[in-house]
């Protein structure tokens, strides 16, 4: 009976996600801050993967066809998931919309299952509905179009749920997914997750979970940290944090429901002083404070705030804490009063969400608009290799003869790999018109040759007089190969642990 009741309320939670999905069912793609870039980046990612690059790090089509290593640095999980959806014959736009829709659905499912470890069905249902329909959550979907963040928000409650289940294997898997879903949100959530585990005195559990998660995701985060030195990222101010605080006109991102929950939570402390309630009330209020201009000095001087970029991003954790607090409040009530307040809470949640449920504008670009677009998909080209002094924009051919008398024949290229035959009557300098990034290799007659990339940031190499077979391709550096091996080791370890303890799958 208890299991049936759980299923009923879980289904009810999914039903209440439907209003948030309607905008995804509309033809076209809603106009957002980053949505178009996400589709363009995904289409270039799919193209690179299809042409043999794995893991995908360098997108040859972007940057006006000169290539851009954005996939080495920014949250690739939604694109790997997107590949699986796209091969089912969804176009690029619909693939992104499917990911957004599934993320909202799983947000509700995982939040309900997490809260159910503490509260009854009705309370967990209210908390899950709040998490999924929280104004900022919908703002991320329909105004910002931040696919990576929305995906990450569906993973965060999964991690907290698995922590309550004391399942370090799935917690580690969740940590790996969060890192690859959105590295900045992982950076925001990790301190709270660590505190949460310490609160429960699960130090060994925390250690095993994070080791497993970081091992599994090493293929992404290790190269991202190391390869950043090769880019202009550290010297490129992407945004001014002072323009991204919440002001009075932006309070709708929190919605009336947040302030109702905060007011009720102080009364809640009189009746409920569980350590989890105190933890979420404290961390939620402190985090919410830092999205307002009063904390500008903190954002100016505290290390790593430039990595978060936008103060309002901290609301990502606020909505998790608020969902717990809402469930706590409903859980204290009994009988008809509980049902009445649950209905009132749902009403306030829907009222708070109403301005974000329906996109304002739609675009009707054909799929080719995205699959042929060559934008870098970043704000200020902040992941451009630092040796590119002047960003190239005009590419007439993939190979340019800079010096000498050389004839190019049998040229083949798919972006990741290029082969050609050169006939030259003298010593010649050739230029492969792609931006150099560690991993590019040039072979002349099967022998690696030196690459000059400091002249203009593009790939230059020399050939002697005569006939030569040239091969140019992008591959893994030793550090990236090492990180791949770590992730493979993590995957094998998870499989061994699951086989060793099969009961953990149904625990």
Protein backbone atom coordinates (compact mmCIF):
# COMPACT_ATOMS: atom_id res chain seq x y z
CA UNK A 1 0.00 0.00 0.00
CA UNK A 2 2.84 2.36 0.89
CA UNK A 3 4.60 1.63 -2.41
CA UNK A 4 1.38 2.26 -4.37
CA UNK A 5 0.88 5.55 -2.56
CA UNK A 6 4.44 6.59 -3.43
CA UNK A 7 3.84 5.85 -7.10
CA UNK A 8 0.57 7.83 -7.09
CA UNK A 9 2.19 10.94 -5.63
CA UNK A 10 5.24 10.56 -7.83
CA UNK A 11 2.95 10.52 -10.86
CA UNK A 12 1.11 13.53 -9.45
CA UNK A 13 4.43 15.36 -9.20
CA UNK A 14 5.07 14.62 -12.87
CA UNK A 15 1.61 15.86 -13.83
CA UNK A 16 2.37 19.21 -12.22
CA UNK A 17 5.47 19.51 -14.40
CA UNK A 18 3.25 19.58 -17.51
CA UNK A 19 2.63 23.38 -17.41
CA UNK A 20 6.39 23.87 -17.62
CA UNK A 21 6.62 21.58 -20.67
CA UNK A 22 4.01 23.24 -22.85
CA UNK A 23 6.45 25.86 -24.11
CA UNK A 24 8.75 23.07 -25.31
CA UNK A 25 5.99 21.53 -27.43
CA UNK A 26 5.50 24.70 -29.46
CA UNK A 27 7.03 24.63 -32.99
CA UNK A 28 10.30 26.48 -33.36
CA UNK A 29 12.75 27.47 -30.66
CA UNK A 30 12.06 30.13 -28.06
CA UNK A 31 14.34 33.16 -28.07
CA UNK A 32 16.77 33.02 -25.13
CA UNK A 33 20.13 34.44 -24.09
CA UNK A 34 22.16 31.28 -24.77
CA UNK A 35 19.77 28.81 -26.40
CA UNK A 36 20.87 29.33 -29.99
CA UNK A 37 24.51 29.00 -28.97
CA UNK A 38 23.76 25.72 -27.23
CA UNK A 39 22.15 24.31 -30.38
CA UNK A 40 25.01 25.52 -32.57
CA UNK A 41 27.61 24.11 -30.20
CA UNK A 42 25.80 20.79 -30.02
CA UNK A 43 25.58 20.50 -33.81
CA UNK A 44 29.33 21.17 -34.10
CA UNK A 45 29.98 18.67 -31.29
CA UNK A 46 27.93 16.00 -33.05
CA UNK A 47 29.82 16.67 -36.27
CA UNK A 48 33.21 16.31 -34.53
CA UNK A 49 32.15 13.11 -32.78
CA UNK A 50 30.76 11.61 -35.99
CA UNK A 51 34.08 12.37 -37.69
CA UNK A 52 36.05 10.37 -35.14
CA UNK A 53 36.99 12.71 -32.30
CA UNK A 54 36.41 11.16 -28.88
CA UNK A 55 36.28 12.58 -26.30
CA UNK A 56 35.27 15.70 -28.17
CA UNK A 57 37.36 18.72 -27.18
CA UNK A 58 37.96 20.79 -30.30
CA UNK A 59 35.12 21.87 -32.60
CA UNK A 60 36.63 22.40 -36.07
CA UNK A 61 33.59 24.14 -37.60
CA UNK A 62 33.36 26.96 -35.08
CA UNK A 63 35.30 30.23 -35.12
CA UNK A 64 34.53 30.76 -38.82
CA UNK A 65 35.86 27.31 -39.68
CA UNK A 66 39.20 27.91 -37.95
CA UNK A 67 38.24 25.76 -34.95
CA UNK A 68 37.64 26.45 -31.27
CA UNK A 69 38.43 24.25 -28.22
CA UNK A 70 35.29 25.16 -26.25
CA UNK A 71 34.27 21.52 -25.64
CA UNK A 72 37.51 21.05 -23.69
CA UNK A 73 36.28 23.52 -21.08
CA UNK A 74 32.50 23.78 -20.95
CA UNK A 75 30.01 21.15 -19.69
CA UNK A 76 29.84 18.44 -22.38
CA UNK A 77 27.23 16.15 -20.77
CA UNK A 78 24.19 17.62 -22.48
CA UNK A 79 25.92 17.17 -25.83
CA UNK A 80 26.80 13.51 -25.22
CA UNK A 81 23.19 12.92 -24.18
CA UNK A 82 22.07 14.92 -27.20
CA UNK A 83 23.96 12.61 -29.55
CA UNK A 84 21.87 9.66 -28.33
CA UNK A 85 18.66 11.64 -28.87
CA UNK A 86 19.71 13.04 -32.23
CA UNK A 87 20.41 9.61 -33.71
CA UNK A 88 16.76 8.81 -32.99
CA UNK A 89 16.02 11.34 -35.76
CA UNK A 90 15.26 14.36 -33.62
CA UNK A 91 16.66 17.49 -35.26
CA UNK A 92 19.14 19.67 -33.39
CA UNK A 93 16.57 22.08 -31.96
CA UNK A 94 14.19 19.33 -30.85
CA UNK A 95 17.10 17.43 -29.29
CA UNK A 96 17.83 20.38 -27.01
CA UNK A 97 14.14 20.75 -26.19
CA UNK A 98 13.94 17.05 -25.28
CA UNK A 99 16.90 17.46 -22.91
CA UNK A 100 15.26 20.45 -21.26
CA UNK A 101 11.97 18.57 -20.89
CA UNK A 102 13.57 15.45 -19.46
CA UNK A 103 15.61 17.56 -17.07
CA UNK A 104 12.45 19.14 -15.67
CA UNK A 105 10.80 15.74 -15.30
CA UNK A 106 13.78 14.20 -13.55
CA UNK A 107 14.08 17.26 -11.32
CA UNK A 108 10.63 16.47 -9.99
CA UNK A 109 11.26 12.73 -9.68
CA UNK A 110 14.60 12.99 -7.86
CA UNK A 111 13.46 15.79 -5.56
CA UNK A 112 10.38 13.79 -4.57
CA UNK A 113 12.44 10.67 -3.88
CA UNK A 114 14.96 12.67 -1.86
CA UNK A 115 12.33 14.43 0.25
CA UNK A 116 10.45 11.18 0.74
CA UNK A 117 13.39 10.04 2.89
CA UNK A 118 12.30 12.66 5.45
CA UNK A 119 8.63 13.44 4.89
CA UNK A 120 5.29 11.95 3.88
CA UNK A 121 3.86 11.81 0.35
CA UNK A 122 1.97 15.10 0.40
CA UNK A 123 4.89 17.07 1.83
CA UNK A 124 7.35 15.54 -0.64
CA UNK A 125 4.99 16.28 -3.51
CA UNK A 126 4.79 19.95 -2.53
CA UNK A 127 8.58 20.20 -2.23
CA UNK A 128 9.17 18.50 -5.59
CA UNK A 129 6.64 20.77 -7.30
CA UNK A 130 8.29 23.82 -5.80
CA UNK A 131 11.75 22.73 -6.95
CA UNK A 132 10.64 22.11 -10.52
CA UNK A 133 8.39 25.17 -10.92
CA UNK A 134 10.57 27.57 -8.93
CA UNK A 135 10.70 30.82 -10.97
CA UNK A 136 14.48 30.79 -11.40
CA UNK A 137 14.37 27.19 -12.61
CA UNK A 138 11.94 28.14 -15.38
CA UNK A 139 13.89 31.33 -16.04
CA UNK A 140 16.92 29.14 -16.74
CA UNK A 141 14.88 27.24 -19.32
CA UNK A 142 12.86 29.90 -21.13
CA UNK A 143 14.87 33.10 -20.70
CA UNK A 144 18.49 32.03 -20.38
CA UNK A 145 18.28 28.80 -22.39
CA UNK A 146 21.07 27.38 -20.23
CA UNK A 147 20.79 23.70 -21.10
CA UNK A 148 23.78 22.71 -18.99
CA UNK A 149 22.44 24.43 -15.88
CA UNK A 150 18.95 22.95 -16.27
CA UNK A 151 20.48 19.49 -16.68
CA UNK A 152 22.66 20.05 -13.60
CA UNK A 153 19.60 21.09 -11.57
CA UNK A 154 18.04 17.70 -12.31
CA UNK A 155 21.18 15.91 -11.05
CA UNK A 156 21.64 17.82 -7.77
CA UNK A 157 18.60 16.28 -5.98
CA UNK A 158 19.68 12.85 -7.29
CA UNK A 159 22.96 13.24 -5.39
CA UNK A 160 21.20 14.28 -2.18
CA UNK A 161 18.79 11.35 -2.57
CA UNK A 162 21.62 8.86 -2.99
CA UNK A 163 23.37 10.38 0.01
CA UNK A 164 20.28 9.62 2.09
CA UNK A 165 20.30 6.08 0.67
CA UNK A 166 23.94 5.82 1.78
CA UNK A 167 24.79 4.62 -1.69
CA UNK A 168 28.28 5.95 -2.33
CA UNK A 169 28.43 4.34 -5.79
CA UNK A 170 25.44 6.23 -7.17
CA UNK A 171 26.41 9.35 -5.21
CA UNK A 172 29.79 9.22 -6.93
CA UNK A 173 28.08 8.72 -10.27
CA UNK A 174 25.89 11.74 -9.55
CA UNK A 175 28.93 13.85 -8.67
CA UNK A 176 30.56 12.88 -11.99
CA UNK A 177 27.39 13.76 -13.88
CA UNK A 178 27.11 17.11 -12.12
CA UNK A 179 30.71 18.04 -12.96
CA UNK A 180 30.17 17.28 -16.65
CA UNK A 181 26.65 18.76 -16.72
CA UNK A 182 27.79 22.20 -15.58
CA UNK A 183 31.18 22.75 -13.97
CA UNK A 184 30.19 26.09 -12.41
CA UNK A 185 27.08 24.68 -10.74
CA UNK A 186 29.17 21.79 -9.46
CA UNK A 187 31.51 24.38 -7.97
CA UNK A 188 28.51 26.02 -6.26
CA UNK A 189 26.88 22.82 -5.00
CA UNK A 190 29.96 20.96 -3.75
CA UNK A 191 30.54 23.03 -0.56
CA UNK A 192 26.90 22.54 0.43
CA UNK A 193 27.05 18.84 -0.37
CA UNK A 194 30.21 18.41 1.70
CA UNK A 195 28.62 20.25 4.64
CA UNK A 196 25.52 18.09 4.25
CA UNK A 197 27.60 14.91 4.46
CA UNK A 198 29.59 16.22 7.41
CA UNK A 199 26.30 17.07 9.13
CA UNK A 200 25.44 13.39 8.92
CA UNK A 201 28.95 12.40 10.03
CA UNK A 202 29.48 10.51 6.80
CA UNK A 203 33.16 11.32 6.36
CA UNK A 204 34.21 7.97 4.87
CA UNK A 205 31.10 7.99 2.66
CA UNK A 206 31.96 11.50 1.48
CA UNK A 207 35.54 10.51 0.70
CA UNK A 208 34.56 7.43 -1.30
CA UNK A 209 31.80 9.30 -3.18
CA UNK A 210 34.00 12.22 -4.21
CA UNK A 211 36.95 10.04 -5.15
CA UNK A 212 34.71 7.92 -7.35
CA UNK A 213 32.93 10.94 -8.85
CA UNK A 214 36.09 12.90 -9.58
CA UNK A 215 37.78 9.79 -10.97
CA UNK A 216 34.88 9.14 -13.33
CA UNK A 217 34.76 12.73 -14.55
CA UNK A 218 38.54 13.21 -14.76
CA UNK A 219 38.42 13.05 -18.58
CA UNK A 220 36.75 16.47 -18.44
CA UNK A 221 37.83 18.44 -15.37
CA UNK A 222 41.54 17.57 -15.42
CA UNK A 223 42.20 18.78 -19.01
CA UNK A 224 39.88 21.75 -18.44
CA UNK A 225 41.99 22.93 -15.52
CA UNK A 226 45.34 22.20 -17.17
CA UNK A 227 44.57 23.42 -20.68
CA UNK A 228 43.17 26.74 -19.46
CA UNK A 229 46.75 28.06 -19.40
CA UNK A 230 46.79 27.88 -23.19
CA UNK A 231 43.84 30.26 -23.56
CA UNK A 232 43.08 33.93 -22.90
CA UNK A 233 40.44 32.98 -20.31
CA UNK A 234 42.25 34.37 -17.24
CA UNK A 235 42.83 37.71 -18.95
CA UNK A 236 39.35 38.06 -20.44
CA UNK A 237 36.64 39.58 -18.21
CA UNK A 238 33.54 37.78 -19.43
CA UNK A 239 31.08 39.79 -17.35
CA UNK A 240 30.83 42.44 -14.66
CA UNK A 241 29.28 40.82 -11.59
CA UNK A 242 27.75 44.13 -10.49
CA UNK A 243 25.24 43.93 -13.33
CA UNK A 244 23.87 40.56 -12.24
CA UNK A 245 22.60 41.14 -8.72
CA UNK A 246 18.90 40.90 -7.95
CA UNK A 247 17.18 44.25 -7.61
CA UNK A 248 13.59 44.96 -6.66
CA UNK A 249 12.42 44.41 -10.24
CA UNK A 250 14.12 41.00 -10.28
CA UNK A 251 12.52 39.60 -7.12
CA UNK A 252 10.16 37.59 -9.30
CA UNK A 253 13.09 35.20 -9.90
CA UNK A 254 12.56 34.16 -6.30
CA UNK A 255 8.82 34.68 -6.41
CA UNK A 256 6.33 35.25 -3.57
CA UNK A 257 6.69 31.56 -2.71
CA UNK A 258 10.27 32.04 -1.51
CA UNK A 259 9.34 34.81 0.92
CA UNK A 260 6.34 32.85 2.19
CA UNK A 261 8.62 29.88 2.88
CA UNK A 262 11.21 32.03 4.65
CA UNK A 263 8.59 33.61 6.94
CA UNK A 264 7.05 30.25 7.73
CA UNK A 265 10.45 28.71 8.37
CA UNK A 266 11.15 30.93 11.37
CA UNK A 267 7.92 29.72 12.90
CA UNK A 268 8.92 26.21 11.88
CA UNK A 269 11.98 26.34 14.13
CA UNK A 270 9.73 26.49 17.17
CA UNK A 271 8.21 23.13 16.26
CA UNK A 272 10.97 21.48 14.24
CA UNK A 273 14.61 21.80 15.26
CA UNK A 274 15.97 18.87 13.33
CA UNK A 275 19.54 19.39 12.21
CA UNK A 276 18.54 19.12 8.52
CA UNK A 277 15.91 21.85 8.90
CA UNK A 278 18.35 24.18 10.64
CA UNK A 279 20.99 23.37 8.03
CA UNK A 280 18.78 24.17 5.03
CA UNK A 281 17.27 27.28 6.60
CA UNK A 282 20.70 28.66 7.45
CA UNK A 283 22.42 27.85 4.16
CA UNK A 284 19.42 28.95 2.09
CA UNK A 285 19.16 32.36 3.77
CA UNK A 286 22.90 32.99 3.64
CA UNK A 287 23.09 31.97 -0.02
CA UNK A 288 20.07 34.09 -0.92
CA UNK A 289 21.74 37.09 0.70
CA UNK A 290 24.66 36.85 -1.71
CA UNK A 291 22.48 37.43 -4.76
CA UNK A 292 21.80 41.01 -3.63
CA UNK A 293 24.02 44.11 -4.11
CA UNK A 294 24.66 44.40 -0.35
CA UNK A 295 27.34 41.70 -0.79
CA UNK A 296 29.18 43.46 -3.62
CA UNK A 297 32.41 43.74 -1.58
CA UNK A 298 32.44 39.97 -1.21
CA UNK A 299 32.08 39.51 -4.96
CA UNK A 300 34.82 42.05 -5.60
CA UNK A 301 37.50 40.59 -3.34
CA UNK A 302 36.68 36.96 -2.59
CA UNK A 303 38.64 34.41 -4.67
CA UNK A 304 36.79 32.37 -7.31
CA UNK A 305 33.77 34.68 -7.59
CA UNK A 306 34.86 35.46 -11.15
CA UNK A 307 34.38 31.77 -11.90
CA UNK A 308 30.72 31.93 -10.81
CA UNK A 309 30.34 35.14 -12.93
CA UNK A 310 26.69 35.88 -12.10
CA UNK A 311 25.56 36.32 -8.46
CA UNK A 312 22.04 35.20 -9.38
CA UNK A 313 23.46 31.74 -10.16
CA UNK A 314 23.47 31.06 -6.43
CA UNK A 315 19.69 30.78 -6.60
CA UNK A 316 20.38 27.31 -8.01
CA UNK A 317 21.05 26.15 -4.47
CA UNK A 318 18.34 28.34 -2.94
CA UNK A 319 15.61 26.49 -4.79
CA UNK A 320 16.89 23.15 -3.41
CA UNK A 321 16.89 24.46 0.15
CA UNK A 322 13.49 26.10 -0.30
CA UNK A 323 11.97 22.82 -1.49
CA UNK A 324 13.19 21.07 1.66
CA UNK A 325 11.83 23.84 3.89
CA UNK A 326 8.45 23.81 2.15
CA UNK A 327 8.16 20.06 2.63
CA UNK A 328 9.16 20.45 6.30
CA UNK A 329 6.39 22.94 6.91
CA UNK A 330 3.66 20.84 5.32
CA UNK A 331 4.92 17.75 7.14
CA UNK A 332 4.22 19.33 10.54
CA UNK A 333 0.51 19.56 9.78
CA UNK A 334 -2.11 16.87 10.09
CA UNK A 335 -5.41 15.90 8.49
CA UNK A 336 -7.49 18.46 6.62
CA UNK A 337 -5.22 21.34 7.68
CA UNK A 338 -2.30 19.61 5.93
CA UNK A 339 -4.32 19.21 2.72
CA UNK A 340 -5.55 22.81 2.90
CA UNK A 341 -2.04 24.22 3.31
CA UNK A 342 -0.66 21.90 0.64
CA UNK A 343 -3.24 23.27 -1.81
CA UNK A 344 -2.41 26.84 -0.74
CA UNK A 345 1.31 26.19 -1.24
CA UNK A 346 0.71 24.75 -4.68
CA UNK A 347 -1.36 27.82 -5.52
CA UNK A 348 1.45 30.15 -4.44
CA UNK A 349 3.96 28.07 -6.41
CA UNK A 350 1.88 28.28 -9.59
CA UNK A 351 1.30 32.00 -9.07
CA UNK A 352 5.04 32.58 -8.63
CA UNK A 353 5.78 30.58 -11.79
CA UNK A 354 3.12 32.12 -14.04
CA UNK A 355 5.40 34.75 -15.63
CA UNK A 356 7.96 32.12 -16.65
CA UNK A 357 5.82 29.27 -17.94
CA UNK A 358 5.27 30.64 -21.45
CA UNK A 359 8.11 31.96 -23.66
CA UNK A 360 7.58 35.43 -25.05
CA UNK A 361 8.98 34.86 -28.54
CA UNK A 362 9.76 31.96 -30.85
CA UNK A 363 12.22 31.64 -33.72
CA UNK A 364 11.64 29.47 -36.74
CA UNK A 365 15.10 28.91 -38.16
CA UNK A 366 15.68 25.76 -40.21
CA UNK A 367 18.02 23.16 -38.76
CA UNK A 368 20.69 24.20 -41.26
CA UNK A 369 20.89 27.59 -39.53
CA UNK A 370 22.44 25.78 -36.58
CA UNK A 371 24.30 22.99 -38.36
CA UNK A 372 26.23 25.42 -40.59
CA UNK A 373 26.68 28.26 -38.12
CA UNK A 374 30.33 29.03 -37.31
CA UNK A 375 30.01 31.21 -34.20
CA UNK A 376 32.39 30.49 -31.31
CA UNK A 377 29.31 30.20 -29.00
CA UNK A 378 31.06 32.04 -26.16
CA UNK A 379 30.58 35.63 -25.02
CA UNK A 380 34.04 37.06 -25.61
CA UNK A 381 35.92 34.20 -27.26
CA UNK A 382 37.45 33.57 -23.84
CA UNK A 383 38.70 30.10 -24.77
CA UNK A 384 40.69 31.32 -27.76
CA UNK A 385 44.27 30.02 -27.65
CA UNK A 386 46.53 32.78 -26.37
CA UNK A 387 48.84 32.71 -29.39
CA UNK A 388 46.02 33.92 -31.67
CA UNK A 389 46.77 37.65 -31.84
CA UNK A 390 44.25 38.51 -34.53
CA UNK A 391 41.21 36.27 -34.78
CA UNK A 392 40.98 34.97 -38.37
CA UNK A 393 37.67 35.39 -40.15
CA UNK A 394 38.13 34.60 -43.83
CA UNK A 395 38.97 31.10 -45.00
CA UNK A 396 39.17 30.50 -48.73
CA UNK A 397 40.90 27.11 -48.53
CA UNK A 398 42.03 24.68 -45.86
CA UNK A 399 45.65 24.71 -47.07
CA UNK A 400 47.54 27.88 -47.98
CA UNK A 401 51.01 27.92 -49.54
CA UNK A 402 52.88 30.63 -47.64
CA UNK A 403 56.29 30.17 -49.26
CA UNK A 404 57.62 28.14 -52.17
CA UNK A 405 56.08 26.55 -55.20
CA UNK A 406 53.79 23.74 -54.06
CA UNK A 407 50.86 22.05 -55.71
CA UNK A 408 48.15 20.57 -53.47
CA UNK A 409 46.39 17.44 -54.71
CA UNK A 410 43.88 14.90 -53.39
CA UNK A 411 42.85 17.09 -50.47
CA UNK A 412 40.41 15.43 -48.05
CA UNK A 413 39.24 16.91 -44.76
CA UNK A 414 36.48 16.28 -42.24
CA UNK A 415 37.70 18.81 -39.71
CA UNK A 416 39.31 16.32 -37.36
CA UNK A 417 41.60 14.84 -39.99
CA UNK A 418 43.01 16.11 -43.26
CA UNK A 419 45.06 14.23 -45.84
CA UNK A 420 46.65 15.60 -49.02
CA UNK A 421 49.44 15.08 -51.52
CA UNK A 422 52.01 17.84 -52.05
CA UNK A 423 54.21 18.28 -55.09
CA UNK A 424 56.76 21.03 -54.52
CA UNK A 425 59.75 22.14 -56.57
CA UNK A 426 61.40 23.88 -53.62
CA UNK A 427 61.45 24.15 -49.85
CA UNK A 428 57.95 25.33 -48.91
CA UNK A 429 55.98 26.66 -45.96
CA UNK A 430 52.37 25.55 -45.75
CA UNK A 431 49.58 26.75 -43.52
CA UNK A 432 46.72 24.59 -42.32
CA UNK A 433 43.93 27.03 -41.66
CA UNK A 434 42.88 25.90 -38.20
CA UNK A 435 43.73 27.51 -34.89
CA UNK A 436 46.45 25.51 -33.16
CA UNK A 437 45.62 23.90 -29.83
CA UNK A 438 47.67 21.17 -28.12
CA UNK A 439 46.63 17.92 -29.73
CA UNK A 440 47.15 18.88 -33.36
CA UNK A 441 49.69 16.68 -35.17
CA UNK A 442 51.23 17.10 -38.63
CA UNK A 443 52.90 14.15 -40.35
CA UNK A 444 54.93 14.41 -43.52
CA UNK A 445 55.46 11.00 -45.10
CA UNK A 446 54.39 9.36 -41.81
CA UNK A 447 56.94 11.34 -39.79
CA UNK A 448 55.84 13.96 -37.25
CA UNK A 449 57.01 17.42 -38.15
CA UNK A 450 57.34 20.59 -36.12
CA UNK A 451 54.40 22.98 -36.03
CA UNK A 452 54.88 26.75 -35.98
CA UNK A 453 51.81 28.30 -34.36
CA UNK A 454 53.32 31.43 -32.85
CA UNK A 455 53.38 33.39 -36.10
CA UNK A 456 49.63 33.94 -36.27
CA UNK A 457 48.08 31.17 -34.16
CA UNK A 458 47.40 28.93 -37.15
CA UNK A 459 49.18 25.68 -37.99
CA UNK A 460 52.26 26.17 -40.16
CA UNK A 461 54.78 23.55 -41.19
CA UNK A 462 57.51 23.07 -43.77
CA UNK A 463 58.19 20.50 -46.48
CA UNK A 464 61.30 19.91 -48.54
CA UNK A 465 61.44 19.70 -52.30
CA UNK A 466 59.70 16.68 -53.76
CA UNK A 467 56.45 14.70 -53.43
CA UNK A 468 54.97 14.21 -50.00
CA UNK A 469 51.95 12.67 -48.33
CA UNK A 470 50.65 14.94 -45.60
CA UNK A 471 48.42 13.92 -42.70
CA UNK A 472 47.03 16.47 -40.20
CA UNK A 473 44.81 15.40 -37.33
CA UNK A 474 43.66 16.26 -33.81
CA UNK A 475 44.30 13.74 -31.03
CA UNK A 476 44.73 13.44 -27.28
CA UNK A 477 47.74 14.94 -25.51
CA UNK A 478 49.50 12.81 -22.87
CA UNK A 479 47.69 14.64 -20.05
CA UNK A 480 44.30 14.15 -21.71
CA UNK A 481 45.08 10.52 -22.40
CA UNK A 482 45.97 10.07 -18.73
CA UNK A 483 42.69 11.69 -17.70
CA UNK A 484 40.80 9.40 -20.09
CA UNK A 485 42.46 6.40 -18.45
CA UNK A 486 41.43 7.67 -15.00
CA UNK A 487 37.80 7.94 -16.14
CA UNK A 488 37.95 4.49 -17.70
CA UNK A 489 39.34 3.17 -14.43
CA UNK A 490 36.46 4.86 -12.59
CA UNK A 491 33.94 3.26 -14.94
CA UNK A 492 35.46 -0.20 -14.46
CA UNK A 493 35.48 0.35 -10.70
CA UNK A 494 31.78 1.25 -10.67
CA UNK A 495 30.91 -1.84 -12.71
CA UNK A 496 32.93 -4.07 -10.36
CA UNK A 497 31.27 -2.54 -7.30
CA UNK A 498 27.80 -2.98 -8.82
CA UNK A 499 28.48 -6.63 -9.66
CA UNK A 500 29.93 -7.19 -6.21
CA UNK A 501 26.89 -5.70 -4.48
CA UNK A 502 23.87 -6.16 -6.75
CA UNK A 503 21.48 -5.39 -3.92
CA UNK A 504 22.52 -1.76 -4.12
CA UNK A 505 20.52 -1.41 -7.33
CA UNK A 506 17.24 -2.08 -5.56
CA UNK A 507 18.08 -0.84 -2.07
